[in-house]
Amino acid sequence: MYNLIINILENILMVLKDGGEEYYYQLIRNILDDKAEDDVWKFIISNDLWGGSGSISDQALLDNKDLRIKLEMLLIELGNMQMRMDKVNPRTKMWVSSFLDRGG
């Protein structure tokens, strides 16, 4: 599962880079570059990813509808995987449901 999570995070990185989301891109890039598995697990349940205002789920790529849809699809995939593993942020399920309701 860990390798699948890394693949999803790398795909999220590409979408963020394509959309010029430098802050969020660097946040994830630094975690992946450190190659510390514990940091990856902490990040995928963090408020930086799944929180409210200012989080990737809430704010990233809002000005680019096409890339936002790609991001939401990746977050749905990641969130569903996390729920199966019971490694979630309290908001993960809410965000995944919200993205699915919008057509994801």
PDB file of N, CA and C in Angstrom:
ATOM      1  N   MET A   1       0.817  -1.206   0.000  1.00  0.00           N
ATOM      2  CA  MET A   1       0.000   0.000   0.000  1.00  0.00           C
ATOM      3  C   MET A   1       0.856   1.263   0.000  1.00  0.00           C
ATOM      4  N   TYR A   2       1.966   1.220   0.710  1.00  0.00           N
ATOM      5  CA  TYR A   2       2.828   2.397   0.807  1.00  0.00           C
ATOM      6  C   TYR A   2       3.264   2.868  -0.577  1.00  0.00           C
ATOM      7  N   ASN A   3       3.667   1.948  -1.435  1.00  0.00           N
ATOM      8  CA  ASN A   3       4.108   2.332  -2.779  1.00  0.00           C
ATOM      9  C   ASN A   3       2.970   2.946  -3.594  1.00  0.00           C
ATOM     10  N   LEU A   4       1.753   2.464  -3.399  1.00  0.00           N
ATOM     11  CA  LEU A   4       0.603   3.050  -4.086  1.00  0.00           C
ATOM     12  C   LEU A   4       0.353   4.473  -3.605  1.00  0.00           C
ATOM     13  N   ILE A   5       0.526   4.700  -2.319  1.00  0.00           N
ATOM     14  CA  ILE A   5       0.364   6.042  -1.764  1.00  0.00           C
ATOM     15  C   ILE A   5       1.412   6.983  -2.347  1.00  0.00           C
ATOM     16  N   ILE A   6       2.639   6.506  -2.431  1.00  0.00           N
ATOM     17  CA  ILE A   6       3.703   7.323  -3.025  1.00  0.00           C
ATOM     18  C   ILE A   6       3.360   7.662  -4.474  1.00  0.00           C
ATOM     19  N   ASN A   7       2.854   6.705  -5.226  1.00  0.00           N
ATOM     20  CA  ASN A   7       2.472   6.957  -6.620  1.00  0.00           C
ATOM     21  C   ASN A   7       1.379   8.022  -6.714  1.00  0.00           C
ATOM     22  N   ILE A   8       0.394   7.933  -5.845  1.00  0.00           N
ATOM     23  CA  ILE A   8      -0.684   8.935  -5.852  1.00  0.00           C
ATOM     24  C   ILE A   8      -0.117  10.308  -5.497  1.00  0.00           C
ATOM     25  N   LEU A   9       0.722  10.370  -4.476  1.00  0.00           N
ATOM     26  CA  LEU A   9       1.319  11.650  -4.092  1.00  0.00           C
ATOM     27  C   LEU A   9       2.169  12.229  -5.224  1.00  0.00           C
ATOM     28  N   GLU A  10       2.879  11.387  -5.945  1.00  0.00           N
ATOM     29  CA  GLU A  10       3.660  11.870  -7.085  1.00  0.00           C
ATOM     30  C   GLU A  10       2.756  12.393  -8.203  1.00  0.00           C
ATOM     31  N   ASN A  11       1.615  11.755  -8.410  1.00  0.00           N
ATOM     32  CA  ASN A  11       0.654  12.257  -9.391  1.00  0.00           C
ATOM     33  C   ASN A  11       0.048  13.577  -8.935  1.00  0.00           C
ATOM     34  N   ILE A  12      -0.224  13.685  -7.643  1.00  0.00           N
ATOM     35  CA  ILE A  12      -0.718  14.959  -7.103  1.00  0.00           C
ATOM     36  C   ILE A  12       0.332  16.045  -7.334  1.00  0.00           C
ATOM     37  N   LEU A  13       1.596  15.708  -7.117  1.00  0.00           N
ATOM     38  CA  LEU A  13       2.682  16.664  -7.363  1.00  0.00           C
ATOM     39  C   LEU A  13       2.654  17.189  -8.793  1.00  0.00           C
ATOM     40  N   MET A  14       2.484  16.314  -9.768  1.00  0.00           N
ATOM     41  CA  MET A  14       2.469  16.731 -11.169  1.00  0.00           C
ATOM     42  C   MET A  14       1.325  17.696 -11.439  1.00  0.00           C
ATOM     43  N   VAL A  15       0.166  17.401 -10.882  1.00  0.00           N
ATOM     44  CA  VAL A  15      -1.000  18.262 -11.085  1.00  0.00           C
ATOM     45  C   VAL A  15      -0.765  19.624 -10.431  1.00  0.00           C
ATOM     46  N   LEU A  16      -0.232  19.614  -9.220  1.00  0.00           N
ATOM     47  CA  LEU A  16       0.049  20.877  -8.536  1.00  0.00           C
ATOM     48  C   LEU A  16       1.085  21.704  -9.302  1.00  0.00           C
ATOM     49  N   LYS A  17       2.111  21.042  -9.807  1.00  0.00           N
ATOM     50  CA  LYS A  17       3.140  21.741 -10.581  1.00  0.00           C
ATOM     51  C   LYS A  17       2.541  22.337 -11.848  1.00  0.00           C
ATOM     52  N   ASP A  18       1.724  21.550 -12.553  1.00  0.00           N
ATOM     53  CA  ASP A  18       1.084  22.034 -13.780  1.00  0.00           C
ATOM     54  C   ASP A  18       0.216  23.262 -13.510  1.00  0.00           C
ATOM     55  N   GLY A  19      -0.361  23.325 -12.318  1.00  0.00           N
ATOM     56  CA  GLY A  19      -1.235  24.437 -11.969  1.00  0.00           C
ATOM     57  C   GLY A  19      -0.534  25.592 -11.282  1.00  0.00           C
ATOM     58  N   GLY A  20       0.777  25.500 -11.146  1.00  0.00           N
ATOM     59  CA  GLY A  20       1.526  26.590 -10.539  1.00  0.00           C
ATOM     60  C   GLY A  20       1.336  26.729  -9.043  1.00  0.00           C
ATOM     61  N   GLU A  21       0.932  25.652  -8.391  1.00  0.00           N
ATOM     62  CA  GLU A  21       0.719  25.668  -6.935  1.00  0.00           C
ATOM     63  C   GLU A  21       2.030  25.366  -6.223  1.00  0.00           C
ATOM     64  N   GLU A  22       2.940  26.323  -6.235  1.00  0.00           N
ATOM     65  CA  GLU A  22       4.297  26.125  -5.732  1.00  0.00           C
ATOM     66  C   GLU A  22       4.330  25.763  -4.244  1.00  0.00           C
ATOM     67  N   TYR A  23       3.519  26.428  -3.431  1.00  0.00           N
ATOM     68  CA  TYR A  23       3.546  26.159  -1.990  1.00  0.00           C
ATOM     69  C   TYR A  23       3.176  24.706  -1.691  1.00  0.00           C
ATOM     70  N   TYR A  24       2.046  24.269  -2.237  1.00  0.00           N
ATOM     71  CA  TYR A  24       1.599  22.896  -1.988  1.00  0.00           C
ATOM     72  C   TYR A  24       2.543  21.887  -2.636  1.00  0.00           C
ATOM     73  N   TYR A  25       3.051  22.229  -3.820  1.00  0.00           N
ATOM     74  CA  TYR A  25       4.008  21.361  -4.497  1.00  0.00           C
ATOM     75  C   TYR A  25       5.232  21.139  -3.608  1.00  0.00           C
ATOM     76  N   GLN A  26       5.807  22.220  -3.100  1.00  0.00           N
ATOM     77  CA  GLN A  26       7.009  22.112  -2.268  1.00  0.00           C
ATOM     78  C   GLN A  26       6.743  21.356  -0.974  1.00  0.00           C
ATOM     79  N   LEU A  27       5.570  21.543  -0.418  1.00  0.00           N
ATOM     80  CA  LEU A  27       5.201  20.839   0.811  1.00  0.00           C
ATOM     81  C   LEU A  27       5.300  19.325   0.607  1.00  0.00           C
ATOM     82  N   ILE A  28       4.703  18.829  -0.453  1.00  0.00           N
ATOM     83  CA  ILE A  28       4.726  17.390  -0.728  1.00  0.00           C
ATOM     84  C   ILE A  28       6.108  16.959  -1.225  1.00  0.00           C
ATOM     85  N   ARG A  29       6.723  17.752  -2.083  1.00  0.00           N
ATOM     86  CA  ARG A  29       8.044  17.409  -2.611  1.00  0.00           C
ATOM     87  C   ARG A  29       9.044  17.199  -1.476  1.00  0.00           C
ATOM     88  N   ASN A  30       9.018  18.089  -0.474  1.00  0.00           N
ATOM     89  CA  ASN A  30       9.943  17.967   0.657  1.00  0.00           C
ATOM     90  C   ASN A  30       9.721  16.668   1.424  1.00  0.00           C
ATOM     91  N   ILE A  31       8.495  16.288   1.602  1.00  0.00           N
ATOM     92  CA  ILE A  31       8.175  15.044   2.323  1.00  0.00           C
ATOM     93  C   ILE A  31       8.675  13.838   1.532  1.00  0.00           C
ATOM     94  N   LEU A  32       8.432  13.834   0.240  1.00  0.00           N
ATOM     95  CA  LEU A  32       8.866  12.698  -0.585  1.00  0.00           C
ATOM     96  C   LEU A  32      10.381  12.663  -0.737  1.00  0.00           C
ATOM     97  N   ASP A  33      11.016  13.816  -0.817  1.00  0.00           N
ATOM     98  CA  ASP A  33      12.471  13.855  -0.954  1.00  0.00           C
ATOM     99  C   ASP A  33      13.187  13.363   0.298  1.00  0.00           C
ATOM    100  N   ASP A  34      12.574  13.589   1.457  1.00  0.00           N
ATOM    101  CA  ASP A  34      13.196  13.143   2.711  1.00  0.00           C
ATOM    102  C   ASP A  34      13.233  11.621   2.823  1.00  0.00           C
ATOM    103  N   LYS A  35      12.352  10.946   2.089  1.00  0.00           N
ATOM    104  CA  LYS A  35      12.303   9.485   2.074  1.00  0.00           C
ATOM    105  C   LYS A  35      12.095   8.864   3.462  1.00  0.00           C
ATOM    106  N   ALA A  36      11.437   9.610   4.339  1.00  0.00           N
ATOM    107  CA  ALA A  36      11.116   9.107   5.672  1.00  0.00           C
ATOM    108  C   ALA A  36       9.668   8.623   5.660  1.00  0.00           C
ATOM    109  N   GLU A  37       9.495   7.317   5.747  1.00  0.00           N
ATOM    110  CA  GLU A  37       8.159   6.733   5.649  1.00  0.00           C
ATOM    111  C   GLU A  37       7.222   7.300   6.718  1.00  0.00           C
ATOM    112  N   ASP A  38       7.713   7.511   7.919  1.00  0.00           N
ATOM    113  CA  ASP A  38       6.872   8.071   8.982  1.00  0.00           C
ATOM    114  C   ASP A  38       6.316   9.435   8.598  1.00  0.00           C
ATOM    115  N   ASP A  39       7.119  10.249   7.918  1.00  0.00           N
ATOM    116  CA  ASP A  39       6.661  11.571   7.500  1.00  0.00           C
ATOM    117  C   ASP A  39       5.540  11.471   6.461  1.00  0.00           C
ATOM    118  N   VAL A  40       5.626  10.487   5.587  1.00  0.00           N
ATOM    119  CA  VAL A  40       4.564  10.279   4.591  1.00  0.00           C
ATOM    120  C   VAL A  40       3.266   9.904   5.295  1.00  0.00           C
ATOM    121  N   TRP A  41       3.337   8.969   6.248  1.00  0.00           N
ATOM    122  CA  TRP A  41       2.129   8.564   6.977  1.00  0.00           C
ATOM    123  C   TRP A  41       1.531   9.745   7.738  1.00  0.00           C
ATOM    124  N   LYS A  42       2.382  10.561   8.344  1.00  0.00           N
ATOM    125  CA  LYS A  42       1.887  11.744   9.058  1.00  0.00           C
ATOM    126  C   LYS A  42       1.231  12.721   8.097  1.00  0.00           C
ATOM    127  N   PHE A  43       1.841  12.919   6.936  1.00  0.00           N
ATOM    128  CA  PHE A  43       1.304  13.867   5.974  1.00  0.00           C
ATOM    129  C   PHE A  43      -0.075  13.450   5.465  1.00  0.00           C
ATOM    130  N   ILE A  44      -0.245  12.168   5.146  1.00  0.00           N
ATOM    131  CA  ILE A  44      -1.524  11.773   4.542  1.00  0.00           C
ATOM    132  C   ILE A  44      -2.697  11.856   5.517  1.00  0.00           C
ATOM    133  N   ILE A  45      -2.408  12.019   6.808  1.00  0.00           N
ATOM    134  CA  ILE A  45      -3.507  12.229   7.763  1.00  0.00           C
ATOM    135  C   ILE A  45      -3.501  13.668   8.303  1.00  0.00           C
ATOM    136  N   SER A  46      -2.693  14.509   7.711  1.00  0.00           N
ATOM    137  CA  SER A  46      -2.507  15.871   8.224  1.00  0.00           C
ATOM    138  C   SER A  46      -3.619  16.826   7.800  1.00  0.00           C
ATOM    139  N   ASN A  47      -3.701  17.921   8.542  1.00  0.00           N
ATOM    140  CA  ASN A  47      -4.591  19.006   8.160  1.00  0.00           C
ATOM    141  C   ASN A  47      -4.061  19.763   6.951  1.00  0.00           C
ATOM    142  N   ASP A  48      -2.754  19.662   6.678  1.00  0.00           N
ATOM    143  CA  ASP A  48      -2.215  20.270   5.458  1.00  0.00           C
ATOM    144  C   ASP A  48      -2.872  19.662   4.229  1.00  0.00           C
ATOM    145  N   LEU A  49      -3.166  18.382   4.285  1.00  0.00           N
ATOM    146  CA  LEU A  49      -3.810  17.699   3.165  1.00  0.00           C
ATOM    147  C   LEU A  49      -5.331  17.735   3.271  1.00  0.00           C
ATOM    148  N   TRP A  50      -5.880  17.346   4.418  1.00  0.00           N
ATOM    149  CA  TRP A  50      -7.321  17.122   4.568  1.00  0.00           C
ATOM    150  C   TRP A  50      -8.040  18.147   5.448  1.00  0.00           C
ATOM    151  N   GLY A  51      -7.346  19.183   5.866  1.00  0.00           N
ATOM    152  CA  GLY A  51      -7.976  20.136   6.778  1.00  0.00           C
ATOM    153  C   GLY A  51      -8.965  21.064   6.094  1.00  0.00           C
ATOM    154  N   GLY A  52      -9.286  22.108   6.780  1.00  0.00           N
ATOM    155  CA  GLY A  52     -10.206  23.109   6.259  1.00  0.00           C
ATOM    156  C   GLY A  52      -9.470  24.167   5.466  1.00  0.00           C
ATOM    157  N   SER A  53      -9.794  25.421   5.738  1.00  0.00           N
ATOM    158  CA  SER A  53      -9.219  26.543   5.011  1.00  0.00           C
ATOM    159  C   SER A  53      -7.698  26.478   4.994  1.00  0.00           C
ATOM    160  N   GLY A  54      -7.142  26.603   3.800  1.00  0.00           N
ATOM    161  CA  GLY A  54      -5.695  26.559   3.628  1.00  0.00           C
ATOM    162  C   GLY A  54      -5.140  25.191   3.295  1.00  0.00           C
ATOM    163  N   SER A  55      -5.950  24.152   3.399  1.00  0.00           N
ATOM    164  CA  SER A  55      -5.471  22.801   3.089  1.00  0.00           C
ATOM    165  C   SER A  55      -5.480  22.562   1.580  1.00  0.00           C
ATOM    166  N   ILE A  56      -4.779  21.549   1.169  1.00  0.00           N
ATOM    167  CA  ILE A  56      -4.767  21.165  -0.239  1.00  0.00           C
ATOM    168  C   ILE A  56      -6.179  20.806  -0.698  1.00  0.00           C
ATOM    169  N   SER A  57      -6.901  20.049   0.107  1.00  0.00           N
ATOM    170  CA  SER A  57      -8.264  19.653  -0.265  1.00  0.00           C
ATOM    171  C   SER A  57      -9.177  20.857  -0.472  1.00  0.00           C
ATOM    172  N   ASP A  58      -8.972  21.881   0.331  1.00  0.00           N
ATOM    173  CA  ASP A  58      -9.867  23.038   0.295  1.00  0.00           C
ATOM    174  C   ASP A  58      -9.437  24.103  -0.717  1.00  0.00           C
ATOM    175  N   GLN A  59      -8.139  24.311  -0.897  1.00  0.00           N
ATOM    176  CA  GLN A  59      -7.677  25.495  -1.616  1.00  0.00           C
ATOM    177  C   GLN A  59      -6.942  25.272  -2.932  1.00  0.00           C
ATOM    178  N   ALA A  60      -6.313  24.134  -3.101  1.00  0.00           N
ATOM    179  CA  ALA A  60      -5.425  23.957  -4.254  1.00  0.00           C
ATOM    180  C   ALA A  60      -6.185  23.956  -5.575  1.00  0.00           C
ATOM    181  N   LEU A  61      -5.654  24.694  -6.519  1.00  0.00           N
ATOM    182  CA  LEU A  61      -6.100  24.693  -7.921  1.00  0.00           C
ATOM    183  C   LEU A  61      -7.537  25.177  -8.121  1.00  0.00           C
ATOM    184  N   LEU A  62      -8.024  26.020  -7.248  1.00  0.00           N
ATOM    185  CA  LEU A  62      -9.395  26.511  -7.383  1.00  0.00           C
ATOM    186  C   LEU A  62      -9.596  27.344  -8.642  1.00  0.00           C
ATOM    187  N   ASP A  63      -8.526  27.933  -9.172  1.00  0.00           N
ATOM    188  CA  ASP A  63      -8.625  28.768 -10.369  1.00  0.00           C
ATOM    189  C   ASP A  63      -8.464  27.993 -11.667  1.00  0.00           C
ATOM    190  N   ASN A  64      -8.316  26.674 -11.569  1.00  0.00           N
ATOM    191  CA  ASN A  64      -8.125  25.857 -12.766  1.00  0.00           C
ATOM    192  C   ASN A  64      -9.033  24.631 -12.666  1.00  0.00           C
ATOM    193  N   LYS A  65     -10.213  24.745 -13.261  1.00  0.00           N
ATOM    194  CA  LYS A  65     -11.235  23.703 -13.115  1.00  0.00           C
ATOM    195  C   LYS A  65     -10.744  22.320 -13.556  1.00  0.00           C
ATOM    196  N   ASP A  66     -10.070  22.243 -14.683  1.00  0.00           N
ATOM    197  CA  ASP A  66      -9.623  20.939 -15.194  1.00  0.00           C
ATOM    198  C   ASP A  66      -8.622  20.277 -14.255  1.00  0.00           C
ATOM    199  N   LEU A  67      -7.642  21.055 -13.791  1.00  0.00           N
ATOM    200  CA  LEU A  67      -6.657  20.486 -12.875  1.00  0.00           C
ATOM    201  C   LEU A  67      -7.265  20.211 -11.507  1.00  0.00           C
ATOM    202  N   ARG A  68      -8.218  21.041 -11.096  1.00  0.00           N
ATOM    203  CA  ARG A  68      -8.892  20.792  -9.814  1.00  0.00           C
ATOM    204  C   ARG A  68      -9.622  19.452  -9.867  1.00  0.00           C
ATOM    205  N   ILE A  69     -10.265  19.153 -10.964  1.00  0.00           N
ATOM    206  CA  ILE A  69     -10.962  17.866 -11.109  1.00  0.00           C
ATOM    207  C   ILE A  69      -9.955  16.715 -11.026  1.00  0.00           C
ATOM    208  N   LYS A  70      -8.807  16.846 -11.691  1.00  0.00           N
ATOM    209  CA  LYS A  70      -7.776  15.801 -11.607  1.00  0.00           C
ATOM    210  C   LYS A  70      -7.308  15.627 -10.165  1.00  0.00           C
ATOM    211  N   LEU A  71      -7.093  16.753  -9.474  1.00  0.00           N
ATOM    212  CA  LEU A  71      -6.667  16.694  -8.077  1.00  0.00           C
ATOM    213  C   LEU A  71      -7.711  15.986  -7.230  1.00  0.00           C
ATOM    214  N   GLU A  72      -8.965  16.345  -7.401  1.00  0.00           N
ATOM    215  CA  GLU A  72     -10.027  15.717  -6.611  1.00  0.00           C
ATOM    216  C   GLU A  72     -10.106  14.220  -6.878  1.00  0.00           C
ATOM    217  N   MET A  73      -9.908  13.802  -8.118  1.00  0.00           N
ATOM    218  CA  MET A  73      -9.929  12.373  -8.438  1.00  0.00           C
ATOM    219  C   MET A  73      -8.788  11.647  -7.709  1.00  0.00           C
ATOM    220  N   LEU A  74      -7.626  12.262  -7.676  1.00  0.00           N
ATOM    221  CA  LEU A  74      -6.492  11.667  -6.959  1.00  0.00           C
ATOM    222  C   LEU A  74      -6.741  11.642  -5.453  1.00  0.00           C
ATOM    223  N   LEU A  75      -7.353  12.690  -4.934  1.00  0.00           N
ATOM    224  CA  LEU A  75      -7.661  12.714  -3.503  1.00  0.00           C
ATOM    225  C   LEU A  75      -8.729  11.682  -3.145  1.00  0.00           C
ATOM    226  N   ILE A  76      -9.673  11.448  -4.037  1.00  0.00           N
ATOM    227  CA  ILE A  76     -10.666  10.386  -3.820  1.00  0.00           C
ATOM    228  C   ILE A  76      -9.954   9.039  -3.726  1.00  0.00           C
ATOM    229  N   GLU A  77      -9.050   8.798  -4.664  1.00  0.00           N
ATOM    230  CA  GLU A  77      -8.301   7.534  -4.672  1.00  0.00           C
ATOM    231  C   GLU A  77      -7.479   7.386  -3.384  1.00  0.00           C
ATOM    232  N   LEU A  78      -6.777   8.428  -3.011  1.00  0.00           N
ATOM    233  CA  LEU A  78      -5.966   8.398  -1.800  1.00  0.00           C
ATOM    234  C   LEU A  78      -6.843   8.237  -0.564  1.00  0.00           C
ATOM    235  N   GLY A  79      -7.900   9.018  -0.479  1.00  0.00           N
ATOM    236  CA  GLY A  79      -8.788   8.952   0.679  1.00  0.00           C
ATOM    237  C   GLY A  79      -9.434   7.589   0.840  1.00  0.00           C
ATOM    238  N   ASN A  80      -9.880   6.995  -0.252  1.00  0.00           N
ATOM    239  CA  ASN A  80     -10.479   5.658  -0.177  1.00  0.00           C
ATOM    240  C   ASN A  80      -9.463   4.634   0.305  1.00  0.00           C
ATOM    241  N   MET A  81      -8.236   4.756  -0.183  1.00  0.00           N
ATOM    242  CA  MET A  81      -7.185   3.843   0.261  1.00  0.00           C
ATOM    243  C   MET A  81      -6.928   4.032   1.759  1.00  0.00           C
ATOM    244  N   GLN A  82      -6.872   5.272   2.194  1.00  0.00           N
ATOM    245  CA  GLN A  82      -6.650   5.550   3.607  1.00  0.00           C
ATOM    246  C   GLN A  82      -7.781   4.994   4.474  1.00  0.00           C
ATOM    247  N   MET A  83      -9.014   5.134   4.007  1.00  0.00           N
ATOM    248  CA  MET A  83     -10.148   4.623   4.788  1.00  0.00           C
ATOM    249  C   MET A  83     -10.092   3.101   4.907  1.00  0.00           C
ATOM    250  N   ARG A  84      -9.655   2.437   3.845  1.00  0.00           N
ATOM    251  CA  ARG A  84      -9.513   0.980   3.913  1.00  0.00           C
ATOM    252  C   ARG A  84      -8.449   0.586   4.934  1.00  0.00           C
ATOM    253  N   MET A  85      -7.423   1.429   5.099  1.00  0.00           N
ATOM    254  CA  MET A  85      -6.339   1.140   6.034  1.00  0.00           C
ATOM    255  C   MET A  85      -6.609   1.725   7.418  1.00  0.00           C
ATOM    256  N   ASP A  86      -7.677   2.486   7.549  1.00  0.00           N
ATOM    257  CA  ASP A  86      -8.019   3.182   8.788  1.00  0.00           C
ATOM    258  C   ASP A  86      -6.889   4.114   9.241  1.00  0.00           C
ATOM    259  N   LYS A  87      -6.329   4.840   8.272  1.00  0.00           N
ATOM    260  CA  LYS A  87      -5.301   5.857   8.522  1.00  0.00           C
ATOM    261  C   LYS A  87      -5.830   7.163   7.939  1.00  0.00           C
ATOM    262  N   VAL A  88      -6.706   7.824   8.709  1.00  0.00           N
ATOM    263  CA  VAL A  88      -7.414   8.978   8.177  1.00  0.00           C
ATOM    264  C   VAL A  88      -7.338  10.187   9.111  1.00  0.00           C
ATOM    265  N   ASN A  89      -7.541  11.323   8.520  1.00  0.00           N
ATOM    266  CA  ASN A  89      -7.791  12.563   9.215  1.00  0.00           C
ATOM    267  C   ASN A  89      -9.301  12.583   9.503  1.00  0.00           C
ATOM    268  N   PRO A  90      -9.746  13.261  10.560  1.00  0.00           N
ATOM    269  CA  PRO A  90     -11.191  13.321  10.814  1.00  0.00           C
ATOM    270  C   PRO A  90     -12.007  13.870   9.638  1.00  0.00           C
ATOM    271  N   ARG A  91     -11.376  14.618   8.734  1.00  0.00           N
ATOM    272  CA  ARG A  91     -12.099  15.202   7.598  1.00  0.00           C
ATOM    273  C   ARG A  91     -11.973  14.398   6.302  1.00  0.00           C
ATOM    274  N   THR A  92     -11.177  13.353   6.270  1.00  0.00           N
ATOM    275  CA  THR A  92     -10.947  12.611   5.025  1.00  0.00           C
ATOM    276  C   THR A  92     -12.253  12.137   4.401  1.00  0.00           C
ATOM    277  N   LYS A  93     -13.090  11.478   5.170  1.00  0.00           N
ATOM    278  CA  LYS A  93     -14.346  10.936   4.629  1.00  0.00           C
ATOM    279  C   LYS A  93     -15.242  12.056   4.108  1.00  0.00           C
ATOM    280  N   MET A  94     -15.299  13.171   4.837  1.00  0.00           N
ATOM    281  CA  MET A  94     -16.117  14.301   4.407  1.00  0.00           C
ATOM    282  C   MET A  94     -15.632  14.851   3.069  1.00  0.00           C
ATOM    283  N   TRP A  95     -14.316  15.003   2.922  1.00  0.00           N
ATOM    284  CA  TRP A  95     -13.785  15.513   1.662  1.00  0.00           C
ATOM    285  C   TRP A  95     -14.039  14.547   0.499  1.00  0.00           C
ATOM    286  N   VAL A  96     -13.799  13.267   0.727  1.00  0.00           N
ATOM    287  CA  VAL A  96     -14.023  12.286  -0.339  1.00  0.00           C
ATOM    288  C   VAL A  96     -15.497  12.321  -0.756  1.00  0.00           C
ATOM    289  N   SER A  97     -16.400  12.361   0.195  1.00  0.00           N
ATOM    290  CA  SER A  97     -17.836  12.440  -0.117  1.00  0.00           C
ATOM    291  C   SER A  97     -18.158  13.709  -0.886  1.00  0.00           C
ATOM    292  N   SER A  98     -17.579  14.813  -0.483  1.00  0.00           N
ATOM    293  CA  SER A  98     -17.804  16.088  -1.158  1.00  0.00           C
ATOM    294  C   SER A  98     -17.324  16.041  -2.607  1.00  0.00           C
ATOM    295  N   PHE A  99     -16.145  15.490  -2.811  1.00  0.00           N
ATOM    296  CA  PHE A  99     -15.612  15.389  -4.176  1.00  0.00           C
ATOM    297  C   PHE A  99     -16.477  14.458  -5.027  1.00  0.00           C
ATOM    298  N   LEU A 100     -16.928  13.365  -4.463  1.00  0.00           N
ATOM    299  CA  LEU A 100     -17.797  12.452  -5.202  1.00  0.00           C
ATOM    300  C   LEU A 100     -19.129  13.109  -5.560  1.00  0.00           C
ATOM    301  N   ASP A 101     -19.672  13.902  -4.646  1.00  0.00           N
ATOM    302  CA  ASP A 101     -20.930  14.605  -4.887  1.00  0.00           C
ATOM    303  C   ASP A 101     -20.812  15.602  -6.029  1.00  0.00           C
ATOM    304  N   ARG A 102     -19.599  16.131  -6.241  1.00  0.00           N
ATOM    305  CA  ARG A 102     -19.370  17.103  -7.323  1.00  0.00           C
ATOM    306  C   ARG A 102     -19.104  16.401  -8.654  1.00  0.00           C
ATOM    307  N   GLY A 103     -19.124  15.091  -8.645  1.00  0.00           N
ATOM    308  CA  GLY A 103     -18.978  14.373  -9.903  1.00  0.00           C
ATOM    309  C   GLY A 103     -17.711  13.577 -10.045  1.00  0.00           C
ATOM    310  N   GLY A 104     -16.922  13.468  -8.974  1.00  0.00           N
ATOM    311  CA  GLY A 104     -15.655  12.745  -9.036  1.00  0.00           C
ATOM    312  C   GLY A 104     -15.801  11.261  -9.127  1.00  0.00           C
TER     313      GLY A 104
END
